[in-house]
């Protein structure tokens, strides 16, 4: 009995921190802007959904829909990549006090844009 107790405690010690570390974005349609390098901001929506335990994001702006890849939701930031026109763009968005995300997106040519994502209305 004592061995079973130790085993359960050991398993919980390993499993609980991993489950607590898993962050999730609110699913639904986020709103915001995308500012490409050296261009004005354009209105955008971000369709956030879950596929099992995997976060999926579709960026919609200027009549185009692009799937984000390499999505990581961390406690204070959201990381993802997308490829408009075949040019890979890597984004690092920081969590704001109002639960929105905002940050820089760098393309492979050194250009820097900005994305702002506001969560769906509750």
Protein backbone atom coordinates (compact mmCIF):
# COMPACT_ATOMS: atom_id res chain seq x y z
CA UNK A 1 0.00 0.00 0.00
CA UNK A 2 2.81 2.40 0.86
CA UNK A 3 4.46 1.68 -2.52
CA UNK A 4 1.22 2.51 -4.38
CA UNK A 5 0.95 5.80 -2.47
CA UNK A 6 4.53 6.76 -3.39
CA UNK A 7 3.89 5.85 -7.02
CA UNK A 8 0.75 8.00 -7.15
CA UNK A 9 2.53 10.94 -5.52
CA UNK A 10 5.39 10.57 -8.01
CA UNK A 11 3.05 10.48 -10.98
CA UNK A 12 1.10 13.51 -9.76
CA UNK A 13 4.33 15.40 -9.20
CA UNK A 14 5.23 14.88 -12.84
CA UNK A 15 1.78 15.35 -14.39
CA UNK A 16 0.37 18.36 -12.53
CA UNK A 17 3.07 20.91 -13.41
CA UNK A 18 2.78 19.98 -17.11
CA UNK A 19 -1.00 20.37 -17.10
CA UNK A 20 -0.82 23.65 -15.23
CA UNK A 21 1.76 24.96 -17.69
CA UNK A 22 -0.51 24.28 -20.67
CA UNK A 23 -1.97 27.65 -21.58
CA UNK A 24 -5.02 28.18 -23.77
CA UNK A 25 -6.40 31.07 -25.76
CA UNK A 26 -10.11 31.80 -25.65
CA UNK A 27 -11.67 30.23 -28.71
CA UNK A 28 -13.69 32.35 -31.10
CA UNK A 29 -13.10 35.38 -33.28
CA UNK A 30 -10.47 37.75 -31.98
CA UNK A 31 -10.29 41.23 -33.53
CA UNK A 32 -7.38 43.58 -34.07
CA UNK A 33 -4.91 44.88 -36.59
CA UNK A 34 -1.98 43.76 -38.66
CA UNK A 35 0.64 46.37 -39.57
CA UNK A 36 2.96 45.04 -42.29
CA UNK A 37 6.48 46.53 -42.44
CA UNK A 38 6.38 50.18 -43.57
CA UNK A 39 2.59 50.09 -44.12
CA UNK A 40 -0.49 51.34 -42.28
CA UNK A 41 -2.44 49.03 -39.98
CA UNK A 42 -5.26 47.02 -41.52
CA UNK A 43 -8.25 45.59 -39.66
CA UNK A 44 -8.01 41.85 -39.03
CA UNK A 45 -9.77 38.97 -37.38
CA UNK A 46 -8.13 35.91 -35.87
CA UNK A 47 -10.16 32.69 -35.77
CA UNK A 48 -8.88 30.80 -32.70
CA UNK A 49 -9.98 27.20 -32.29
CA UNK A 50 -8.83 23.98 -30.67
CA UNK A 51 -8.14 20.69 -32.41
CA UNK A 52 -7.74 18.25 -29.54
CA UNK A 53 -5.19 20.00 -27.34
CA UNK A 54 -3.63 21.93 -30.24
CA UNK A 55 -4.35 25.64 -30.75
CA UNK A 56 -5.17 26.68 -34.33
CA UNK A 57 -5.28 30.29 -35.57
CA UNK A 58 -6.41 31.63 -38.95
CA UNK A 59 -5.45 35.24 -39.68
CA UNK A 60 -7.99 37.09 -41.87
CA UNK A 61 -7.12 40.48 -43.34
CA UNK A 62 -7.44 42.34 -46.61
CA UNK A 63 -9.46 39.50 -48.17
CA UNK A 64 -6.88 36.82 -47.35
CA UNK A 65 -6.96 33.95 -44.86
CA UNK A 66 -3.64 32.49 -43.68
CA UNK A 67 -3.09 29.65 -41.22
CA UNK A 68 -0.61 30.25 -38.41
CA UNK A 69 1.88 27.48 -37.63
CA UNK A 70 4.29 26.71 -34.79
CA UNK A 71 1.81 28.16 -32.28
CA UNK A 72 2.96 28.32 -28.67
CA UNK A 73 0.74 29.78 -25.96
CA UNK A 74 2.87 30.66 -22.95
CA UNK A 75 1.87 32.37 -19.69
CA UNK A 76 2.91 35.87 -20.85
CA UNK A 77 3.25 35.56 -24.62
CA UNK A 78 1.88 34.04 -27.81
CA UNK A 79 4.31 32.84 -30.48
CA UNK A 80 3.44 31.80 -34.02
CA UNK A 81 4.59 31.84 -37.63
CA UNK A 82 2.66 32.57 -40.80
CA UNK A 83 3.64 32.92 -44.45
CA UNK A 84 1.92 35.67 -46.45
CA UNK A 85 3.03 35.45 -50.07
CA UNK A 86 5.51 32.70 -49.19
CA UNK A 87 7.61 34.95 -46.92
CA UNK A 88 7.89 33.43 -43.43
CA UNK A 89 6.96 35.78 -40.59
CA UNK A 90 7.66 34.98 -36.91
CA UNK A 91 5.52 36.76 -34.31
CA UNK A 92 6.05 37.29 -30.59
CA UNK A 93 2.98 38.87 -29.00
CA UNK A 94 2.98 39.85 -25.33
CA UNK A 95 -0.04 39.44 -23.06
CA UNK A 96 -1.47 42.79 -21.95
CA UNK A 97 -3.42 43.59 -18.78
CA UNK A 98 -6.69 43.67 -20.76
CA UNK A 99 -6.06 40.05 -21.98
CA UNK A 100 -5.18 41.23 -25.50
CA UNK A 101 -1.89 40.41 -27.20
CA UNK A 102 0.38 42.85 -29.02
CA UNK A 103 3.84 42.55 -30.44
CA UNK A 104 6.34 42.41 -33.26
CA UNK A 105 6.44 40.14 -36.27
CA UNK A 106 9.73 39.73 -38.11
CA UNK A 107 9.99 38.47 -41.67
CA UNK A 108 12.95 36.67 -43.26
CA UNK A 109 14.02 39.90 -45.02
CA UNK A 110 14.39 41.78 -41.72
CA UNK A 111 11.11 43.66 -42.01
CA UNK A 112 9.18 44.29 -38.79
CA UNK A 113 5.42 44.48 -38.52
CA UNK A 114 3.04 44.62 -35.57
CA UNK A 115 -0.03 42.56 -34.68
CA UNK A 116 -2.68 43.41 -32.07
CA UNK A 117 -5.20 40.72 -31.05
CA UNK A 118 -8.18 41.49 -28.81
CA UNK A 119 -10.14 38.55 -27.32
CA UNK A 120 -13.75 37.80 -28.23
CA UNK A 121 -16.41 39.60 -26.25
CA UNK A 122 -17.68 37.38 -23.44
